[in-house]
Amino acid sequence: MENLIWIGALVSLIGLAGLVWCIASVWKAKKAGLSDEELRAAVQKVMPLNTGALFLSVLGLMIVVLGIAFS
Protein backbone atom coordinates (compact mmCIF):
# COMPACT_ATOMS: atom_id res chain seq x y z
CA MET A 1 0.00 0.00 0.00
CA GLU A 2 3.03 2.24 0.18
CA ASN A 3 2.86 2.61 -3.60
CA LEU A 4 -0.67 3.94 -3.28
CA ILE A 5 0.58 6.69 -0.99
CA TRP A 6 3.31 7.72 -3.45
CA ILE A 7 0.90 7.66 -6.40
CA GLY A 8 -1.53 9.85 -4.47
CA ALA A 9 1.25 12.26 -3.55
CA LEU A 10 2.29 12.49 -7.21
CA VAL A 11 -1.28 13.15 -8.37
CA SER A 12 -1.67 15.77 -5.66
CA LEU A 13 1.57 17.50 -6.67
CA ILE A 14 0.47 17.58 -10.31
CA GLY A 15 -2.76 19.25 -9.20
CA LEU A 16 -0.82 21.71 -7.06
CA ALA A 17 1.41 22.59 -10.01
CA GLY A 18 -1.73 23.23 -12.06
CA LEU A 19 -3.09 25.54 -9.37
CA VAL A 20 0.18 27.48 -9.26
CA TRP A 21 0.10 27.79 -13.06
CA CYS A 22 -3.47 29.14 -12.91
CA ILE A 23 -2.50 31.70 -10.27
CA ALA A 24 0.52 32.80 -12.30
CA SER A 25 -1.54 33.05 -15.47
CA VAL A 26 -4.19 35.27 -13.92
CA TRP A 27 -1.55 37.34 -12.13
CA LYS A 28 0.25 37.90 -15.44
CA ALA A 29 -3.01 38.96 -17.10
CA LYS A 30 -3.73 41.36 -14.23
CA LYS A 31 -0.25 42.90 -14.45
CA ALA A 32 -0.62 43.36 -18.22
CA GLY A 33 -3.12 46.14 -17.59
CA LEU A 34 -5.91 44.61 -19.60
CA SER A 35 -9.32 46.18 -19.71
CA ASP A 36 -12.01 44.81 -17.43
CA GLU A 37 -13.60 42.84 -20.23
CA GLU A 38 -10.30 41.33 -21.41
CA LEU A 39 -9.33 40.43 -17.84
CA ARG A 40 -12.70 38.77 -17.32
CA ALA A 41 -12.16 36.73 -20.52
CA ALA A 42 -8.70 35.66 -19.34
CA VAL A 43 -10.06 34.53 -15.97
CA GLN A 44 -12.93 32.64 -17.63
CA LYS A 45 -10.40 30.87 -19.85
CA VAL A 46 -8.36 29.71 -16.83
CA MET A 47 -11.35 28.72 -14.67
CA PRO A 48 -11.90 25.18 -16.09
CA LEU A 49 -8.19 24.41 -15.73
CA ASN A 50 -8.29 25.70 -12.17
CA THR A 51 -11.23 23.46 -11.36
CA GLY A 52 -9.49 20.45 -12.92
CA ALA A 53 -6.28 21.13 -11.00
CA LEU A 54 -8.21 21.44 -7.76
CA PHE A 55 -9.96 18.14 -8.51
CA LEU A 56 -6.59 16.44 -9.10
CA SER A 57 -5.25 17.76 -5.80
CA VAL A 58 -8.28 16.50 -3.89
CA LEU A 59 -8.19 13.15 -5.69
CA GLY A 60 -4.51 12.75 -4.86
CA LEU A 61 -5.12 13.49 -1.21
CA MET A 62 -7.95 10.96 -1.13
CA ILE A 63 -5.64 8.33 -2.62
CA VAL A 64 -3.04 9.13 0.05
CA VAL A 65 -5.64 8.73 2.80
CA LEU A 66 -6.77 5.40 1.33
CA GLY A 67 -3.18 4.23 1.16
CA ILE A 68 -2.65 5.14 4.81
CA ALA A 69 -5.92 3.50 5.84
CA PHE A 70 -5.09 0.25 4.03
CA SER A 71 -1.56 0.08 5.44
PDB file of N, CA and C in Angstrom:
ATOM      1  N   MET A   1       0.807  -1.198   0.000  1.00  0.00           N
ATOM      2  CA  MET A   1       0.000   0.000   0.000  1.00  0.00           C
ATOM      3  C   MET A   1       0.856   1.270   0.000  1.00  0.00           C
ATOM      4  N   GLU A   2       2.145   1.079   0.209  1.00  0.00           N
ATOM      5  CA  GLU A   2       3.032   2.243   0.179  1.00  0.00           C
ATOM      6  C   GLU A   2       3.042   2.886  -1.200  1.00  0.00           C
ATOM      7  N   ASN A   3       2.913   2.057  -2.247  1.00  0.00           N
ATOM      8  CA  ASN A   3       2.865   2.605  -3.603  1.00  0.00           C
ATOM      9  C   ASN A   3       1.649   3.502  -3.796  1.00  0.00           C
ATOM     10  N   LEU A   4       0.552   3.146  -3.176  1.00  0.00           N
ATOM     11  CA  LEU A   4      -0.667   3.940  -3.278  1.00  0.00           C
ATOM     12  C   LEU A   4      -0.452   5.337  -2.685  1.00  0.00           C
ATOM     13  N   ILE A   5       0.290   5.404  -1.608  1.00  0.00           N
ATOM     14  CA  ILE A   5       0.585   6.693  -0.987  1.00  0.00           C
ATOM     15  C   ILE A   5       1.422   7.556  -1.929  1.00  0.00           C
ATOM     16  N   TRP A   6       2.446   6.948  -2.543  1.00  0.00           N
ATOM     17  CA  TRP A   6       3.305   7.715  -3.452  1.00  0.00           C
ATOM     18  C   TRP A   6       2.564   8.146  -4.716  1.00  0.00           C
ATOM     19  N   ILE A   7       1.701   7.295  -5.222  1.00  0.00           N
ATOM     20  CA  ILE A   7       0.902   7.658  -6.397  1.00  0.00           C
ATOM     21  C   ILE A   7      -0.026   8.827  -6.062  1.00  0.00           C
ATOM     22  N   GLY A   8      -0.656   8.758  -4.896  1.00  0.00           N
ATOM     23  CA  GLY A   8      -1.532   9.850  -4.468  1.00  0.00           C
ATOM     24  C   GLY A   8      -0.767  11.146  -4.285  1.00  0.00           C
ATOM     25  N   ALA A   9       0.435  11.056  -3.734  1.00  0.00           N
ATOM     26  CA  ALA A   9       1.249  12.255  -3.554  1.00  0.00           C
ATOM     27  C   ALA A   9       1.630  12.851  -4.901  1.00  0.00           C
ATOM     28  N   LEU A  10       1.940  12.007  -5.876  1.00  0.00           N
ATOM     29  CA  LEU A  10       2.286  12.494  -7.210  1.00  0.00           C
ATOM     30  C   LEU A  10       1.094  13.177  -7.875  1.00  0.00           C
ATOM     31  N   VAL A  11      -0.067  12.558  -7.787  1.00  0.00           N
ATOM     32  CA  VAL A  11      -1.279  13.154  -8.369  1.00  0.00           C
ATOM     33  C   VAL A  11      -1.582  14.490  -7.699  1.00  0.00           C
ATOM     34  N   SER A  12      -1.418  14.545  -6.392  1.00  0.00           N
ATOM     35  CA  SER A  12      -1.674  15.774  -5.655  1.00  0.00           C
ATOM     36  C   SER A  12      -0.684  16.872  -6.056  1.00  0.00           C
ATOM     37  N   LEU A  13       0.573  16.505  -6.251  1.00  0.00           N
ATOM     38  CA  LEU A  13       1.570  17.500  -6.672  1.00  0.00           C
ATOM     39  C   LEU A  13       1.314  18.009  -8.091  1.00  0.00           C
ATOM     40  N   ILE A  14       0.830  17.141  -8.964  1.00  0.00           N
ATOM     41  CA  ILE A  14       0.469  17.583 -10.315  1.00  0.00           C
ATOM     42  C   ILE A  14      -0.673  18.592 -10.235  1.00  0.00           C
ATOM     43  N   GLY A  15      -1.652  18.313  -9.395  1.00  0.00           N
ATOM     44  CA  GLY A  15      -2.761  19.253  -9.205  1.00  0.00           C
ATOM     45  C   GLY A  15      -2.289  20.564  -8.610  1.00  0.00           C
ATOM     46  N   LEU A  16      -1.366  20.493  -7.662  1.00  0.00           N
ATOM     47  CA  LEU A  16      -0.820  21.710  -7.059  1.00  0.00           C
ATOM     48  C   LEU A  16      -0.059  22.536  -8.085  1.00  0.00           C
ATOM     49  N   ALA A  17       0.695  21.869  -8.947  1.00  0.00           N
ATOM     50  CA  ALA A  17       1.406  22.588 -10.013  1.00  0.00           C
ATOM     51  C   ALA A  17       0.413  23.279 -10.950  1.00  0.00           C
ATOM     52  N   GLY A  18      -0.694  22.613 -11.234  1.00  0.00           N
ATOM     53  CA  GLY A  18      -1.732  23.231 -12.062  1.00  0.00           C
ATOM     54  C   GLY A  18      -2.340  24.455 -11.397  1.00  0.00           C
ATOM     55  N   LEU A  19      -2.551  24.383 -10.094  1.00  0.00           N
ATOM     56  CA  LEU A  19      -3.091  25.539  -9.371  1.00  0.00           C
ATOM     57  C   LEU A  19      -2.115  26.706  -9.391  1.00  0.00           C
ATOM     58  N   VAL A  20      -0.833  26.415  -9.212  1.00  0.00           N
ATOM     59  CA  VAL A  20       0.182  27.475  -9.263  1.00  0.00           C
ATOM     60  C   VAL A  20       0.234  28.095 -10.654  1.00  0.00           C
ATOM     61  N   TRP A  21       0.106  27.264 -11.692  1.00  0.00           N
ATOM     62  CA  TRP A  21       0.098  27.787 -13.057  1.00  0.00           C
ATOM     63  C   TRP A  21      -1.106  28.707 -13.278  1.00  0.00           C
ATOM     64  N   CYS A  22      -2.261  28.318 -12.769  1.00  0.00           N
ATOM     65  CA  CYS A  22      -3.465  29.141 -12.912  1.00  0.00           C
ATOM     66  C   CYS A  22      -3.294  30.483 -12.209  1.00  0.00           C
ATOM     67  N   ILE A  23      -2.731  30.458 -11.011  1.00  0.00           N
ATOM     68  CA  ILE A  23      -2.504  31.701 -10.274  1.00  0.00           C
ATOM     69  C   ILE A  23      -1.549  32.600 -11.041  1.00  0.00           C
ATOM     70  N   ALA A  24      -0.461  32.013 -11.551  1.00  0.00           N
ATOM     71  CA  ALA A  24       0.523  32.805 -12.295  1.00  0.00           C
ATOM     72  C   ALA A  24      -0.082  33.374 -13.576  1.00  0.00           C
ATOM     73  N   SER A  25      -0.920  32.604 -14.229  1.00  0.00           N
ATOM     74  CA  SER A  25      -1.538  33.048 -15.473  1.00  0.00           C
ATOM     75  C   SER A  25      -2.463  34.245 -15.238  1.00  0.00           C
ATOM     76  N   VAL A  26      -3.281  34.163 -14.211  1.00  0.00           N
ATOM     77  CA  VAL A  26      -4.195  35.273 -13.917  1.00  0.00           C
ATOM     78  C   VAL A  26      -3.412  36.482 -13.414  1.00  0.00           C
ATOM     79  N   TRP A  27      -2.379  36.246 -12.629  1.00  0.00           N
ATOM     80  CA  TRP A  27      -1.551  37.343 -12.128  1.00  0.00           C
ATOM     81  C   TRP A  27      -0.872  38.073 -13.291  1.00  0.00           C
ATOM     82  N   LYS A  28      -0.381  37.308 -14.259  1.00  0.00           N
ATOM     83  CA  LYS A  28       0.250  37.897 -15.444  1.00  0.00           C
ATOM     84  C   LYS A  28      -0.757  38.730 -16.237  1.00  0.00           C
ATOM     85  N   ALA A  29      -1.979  38.221 -16.375  1.00  0.00           N
ATOM     86  CA  ALA A  29      -3.013  38.965 -17.100  1.00  0.00           C
ATOM     87  C   ALA A  29      -3.379  40.241 -16.351  1.00  0.00           C
ATOM     88  N   LYS A  30      -3.398  40.178 -15.024  1.00  0.00           N
ATOM     89  CA  LYS A  30      -3.732  41.361 -14.234  1.00  0.00           C
ATOM     90  C   LYS A  30      -2.632  42.413 -14.346  1.00  0.00           C
ATOM     91  N   LYS A  31      -1.366  41.966 -14.344  1.00  0.00           N
ATOM     92  CA  LYS A  31      -0.245  42.902 -14.452  1.00  0.00           C
ATOM     93  C   LYS A  31      -0.138  43.520 -15.843  1.00  0.00           C
ATOM     94  N   ALA A  32      -0.710  42.867 -16.848  1.00  0.00           N
ATOM     95  CA  ALA A  32      -0.625  43.358 -18.222  1.00  0.00           C
ATOM     96  C   ALA A  32      -1.474  44.612 -18.433  1.00  0.00           C
ATOM     97  N   GLY A  33      -2.298  44.940 -17.474  1.00  0.00           N
ATOM     98  CA  GLY A  33      -3.115  46.145 -17.587  1.00  0.00           C
ATOM     99  C   GLY A  33      -4.231  46.007 -18.596  1.00  0.00           C
ATOM    100  N   LEU A  34      -4.814  44.835 -18.671  1.00  0.00           N
ATOM    101  CA  LEU A  34      -5.911  44.608 -19.601  1.00  0.00           C
ATOM    102  C   LEU A  34      -7.162  45.347 -19.136  1.00  0.00           C
ATOM    103  N   SER A  35      -8.048  45.571 -20.082  1.00  0.00           N
ATOM    104  CA  SER A  35      -9.323  46.179 -19.713  1.00  0.00           C
ATOM    105  C   SER A  35     -10.129  45.179 -18.894  1.00  0.00           C
ATOM    106  N   ASP A  36     -11.193  45.673 -18.290  1.00  0.00           N
ATOM    107  CA  ASP A  36     -12.008  44.814 -17.429  1.00  0.00           C
ATOM    108  C   ASP A  36     -12.582  43.635 -18.204  1.00  0.00           C
ATOM    109  N   GLU A  37     -13.012  43.892 -19.410  1.00  0.00           N
ATOM    110  CA  GLU A  37     -13.604  42.837 -20.229  1.00  0.00           C
ATOM    111  C   GLU A  37     -12.558  41.801 -20.649  1.00  0.00           C
ATOM    112  N   GLU A  38     -11.375  42.254 -21.014  1.00  0.00           N
ATOM    113  CA  GLU A  38     -10.304  41.327 -21.412  1.00  0.00           C
ATOM    114  C   GLU A  38      -9.816  40.507 -20.218  1.00  0.00           C
ATOM    115  N   LEU A  39      -9.733  41.147 -19.047  1.00  0.00           N
ATOM    116  CA  LEU A  39      -9.328  40.431 -17.844  1.00  0.00           C
ATOM    117  C   LEU A  39     -10.366  39.380 -17.467  1.00  0.00           C
ATOM    118  N   ARG A  40     -11.622  39.719 -17.608  1.00  0.00           N
ATOM    119  CA  ARG A  40     -12.697  38.767 -17.322  1.00  0.00           C
ATOM    120  C   ARG A  40     -12.617  37.565 -18.274  1.00  0.00           C
ATOM    121  N   ALA A  41     -12.300  37.816 -19.548  1.00  0.00           N
ATOM    122  CA  ALA A  41     -12.164  36.725 -20.518  1.00  0.00           C
ATOM    123  C   ALA A  41     -10.971  35.836 -20.175  1.00  0.00           C
ATOM    124  N   ALA A  42      -9.880  36.440 -19.718  1.00  0.00           N
ATOM    125  CA  ALA A  42      -8.703  35.657 -19.345  1.00  0.00           C
ATOM    126  C   ALA A  42      -8.998  34.773 -18.135  1.00  0.00           C
ATOM    127  N   VAL A  43      -9.719  35.311 -17.166  1.00  0.00           N
ATOM    128  CA  VAL A  43     -10.064  34.529 -15.969  1.00  0.00           C
ATOM    129  C   VAL A  43     -11.033  33.406 -16.340  1.00  0.00           C
ATOM    130  N   GLN A  44     -11.981  33.675 -17.207  1.00  0.00           N
ATOM    131  CA  GLN A  44     -12.928  32.642 -17.627  1.00  0.00           C
ATOM    132  C   GLN A  44     -12.233  31.528 -18.395  1.00  0.00           C
ATOM    133  N   LYS A  45     -11.158  31.874 -19.111  1.00  0.00           N
ATOM    134  CA  LYS A  45     -10.398  30.875 -19.847  1.00  0.00           C
ATOM    135  C   LYS A  45      -9.636  29.944 -18.899  1.00  0.00           C
ATOM    136  N   VAL A  46      -9.161  30.478 -17.783  1.00  0.00           N
ATOM    137  CA  VAL A  46      -8.360  29.705 -16.830  1.00  0.00           C
ATOM    138  C   VAL A  46      -9.244  28.911 -15.866  1.00  0.00           C
ATOM    139  N   MET A  47     -10.480  29.328 -15.678  1.00  0.00           N
ATOM    140  CA  MET A  47     -11.349  28.720 -14.668  1.00  0.00           C
ATOM    141  C   MET A  47     -11.523  27.205 -14.812  1.00  0.00           C
ATOM    142  N   PRO A  48     -11.775  26.643 -16.008  1.00  0.00           N
ATOM    143  CA  PRO A  48     -11.904  25.178 -16.089  1.00  0.00           C
ATOM    144  C   PRO A  48     -10.610  24.450 -15.724  1.00  0.00           C
ATOM    145  N   LEU A  49      -9.471  25.021 -16.096  1.00  0.00           N
ATOM    146  CA  LEU A  49      -8.194  24.411 -15.731  1.00  0.00           C
ATOM    147  C   LEU A  49      -7.976  24.470 -14.223  1.00  0.00           C
ATOM    148  N   ASN A  50      -8.402  25.558 -13.613  1.00  0.00           N
ATOM    149  CA  ASN A  50      -8.293  25.704 -12.171  1.00  0.00           C
ATOM    150  C   ASN A  50      -9.143  24.652 -11.462  1.00  0.00           C
ATOM    151  N   THR A  51     -10.344  24.453 -11.948  1.00  0.00           N
ATOM    152  CA  THR A  51     -11.226  23.459 -11.355  1.00  0.00           C
ATOM    153  C   THR A  51     -10.651  22.045 -11.519  1.00  0.00           C
ATOM    154  N   GLY A  52     -10.105  21.760 -12.689  1.00  0.00           N
ATOM    155  CA  GLY A  52      -9.493  20.452 -12.919  1.00  0.00           C
ATOM    156  C   GLY A  52      -8.281  20.221 -12.034  1.00  0.00           C
ATOM    157  N   ALA A  53      -7.461  21.252 -11.858  1.00  0.00           N
ATOM    158  CA  ALA A  53      -6.280  21.126 -11.004  1.00  0.00           C
ATOM    159  C   ALA A  53      -6.692  20.923  -9.547  1.00  0.00           C
ATOM    160  N   LEU A  54      -7.717  21.621  -9.123  1.00  0.00           N
ATOM    161  CA  LEU A  54      -8.212  21.438  -7.761  1.00  0.00           C
ATOM    162  C   LEU A  54      -8.751  20.016  -7.569  1.00  0.00           C
ATOM    163  N   PHE A  55      -9.449  19.506  -8.571  1.00  0.00           N
ATOM    164  CA  PHE A  55      -9.955  18.136  -8.511  1.00  0.00           C
ATOM    165  C   PHE A  55      -8.809  17.134  -8.404  1.00  0.00           C
ATOM    166  N   LEU A  56      -7.740  17.338  -9.181  1.00  0.00           N
ATOM    167  CA  LEU A  56      -6.590  16.443  -9.104  1.00  0.00           C
ATOM    168  C   LEU A  56      -5.951  16.468  -7.723  1.00  0.00           C
ATOM    169  N   SER A  57      -5.836  17.655  -7.145  1.00  0.00           N
ATOM    170  CA  SER A  57      -5.253  17.764  -5.799  1.00  0.00           C
ATOM    171  C   SER A  57      -6.091  17.004  -4.781  1.00  0.00           C
ATOM    172  N   VAL A  58      -7.388  17.181  -4.835  1.00  0.00           N
ATOM    173  CA  VAL A  58      -8.276  16.495  -3.890  1.00  0.00           C
ATOM    174  C   VAL A  58      -8.236  14.985  -4.121  1.00  0.00           C
ATOM    175  N   LEU A  59      -8.243  14.576  -5.380  1.00  0.00           N
ATOM    176  CA  LEU A  59      -8.188  13.152  -5.691  1.00  0.00           C
ATOM    177  C   LEU A  59      -6.886  12.534  -5.176  1.00  0.00           C
ATOM    178  N   GLY A  60      -5.779  13.240  -5.360  1.00  0.00           N
ATOM    179  CA  GLY A  60      -4.506  12.750  -4.860  1.00  0.00           C
ATOM    180  C   GLY A  60      -4.495  12.615  -3.354  1.00  0.00           C
ATOM    181  N   LEU A  61      -5.065  13.583  -2.667  1.00  0.00           N
ATOM    182  CA  LEU A  61      -5.118  13.495  -1.208  1.00  0.00           C
ATOM    183  C   LEU A  61      -6.018  12.350  -0.751  1.00  0.00           C
ATOM    184  N   MET A  62      -7.097  12.093  -1.476  1.00  0.00           N
ATOM    185  CA  MET A  62      -7.954  10.959  -1.131  1.00  0.00           C
ATOM    186  C   MET A  62      -7.216   9.638  -1.329  1.00  0.00           C
ATOM    187  N   ILE A  63      -6.418   9.553  -2.376  1.00  0.00           N
ATOM    188  CA  ILE A  63      -5.636   8.332  -2.618  1.00  0.00           C
ATOM    189  C   ILE A  63      -4.623   8.136  -1.493  1.00  0.00           C
ATOM    190  N   VAL A  64      -3.995   9.220  -1.056  1.00  0.00           N
ATOM    191  CA  VAL A  64      -3.044   9.126   0.054  1.00  0.00           C
ATOM    192  C   VAL A  64      -3.749   8.617   1.311  1.00  0.00           C
ATOM    193  N   VAL A  65      -4.902   9.155   1.617  1.00  0.00           N
ATOM    194  CA  VAL A  65      -5.644   8.726   2.799  1.00  0.00           C
ATOM    195  C   VAL A  65      -6.028   7.254   2.695  1.00  0.00           C
ATOM    196  N   LEU A  66      -6.458   6.823   1.513  1.00  0.00           N
ATOM    197  CA  LEU A  66      -6.771   5.404   1.329  1.00  0.00           C
ATOM    198  C   LEU A  66      -5.532   4.526   1.511  1.00  0.00           C
ATOM    199  N   GLY A  67      -4.415   4.980   0.987  1.00  0.00           N
ATOM    200  CA  GLY A  67      -3.176   4.232   1.160  1.00  0.00           C
ATOM    201  C   GLY A  67      -2.778   4.110   2.618  1.00  0.00           C
ATOM    202  N   ILE A  68      -2.971   5.180   3.382  1.00  0.00           N
ATOM    203  CA  ILE A  68      -2.654   5.142   4.814  1.00  0.00           C
ATOM    204  C   ILE A  68      -3.642   4.238   5.545  1.00  0.00           C
ATOM    205  N   ALA A  69      -4.905   4.309   5.172  1.00  0.00           N
ATOM    206  CA  ALA A  69      -5.919   3.496   5.839  1.00  0.00           C
ATOM    207  C   ALA A  69      -5.717   2.010   5.578  1.00  0.00           C
ATOM    208  N   PHE A  70      -5.286   1.659   4.373  1.00  0.00           N
ATOM    209  CA  PHE A  70      -5.087   0.252   4.027  1.00  0.00           C
ATOM    210  C   PHE A  70      -3.765  -0.303   4.526  1.00  0.00           C
ATOM    211  N   SER A  71      -2.866   0.544   4.970  1.00  0.00           N
ATOM    212  CA  SER A  71      -1.555   0.078   5.444  1.00  0.00           C
ATOM    213  C   SER A  71      -1.642  -0.589   6.792  1.00  0.00           C
TER     214      SER A  71
END
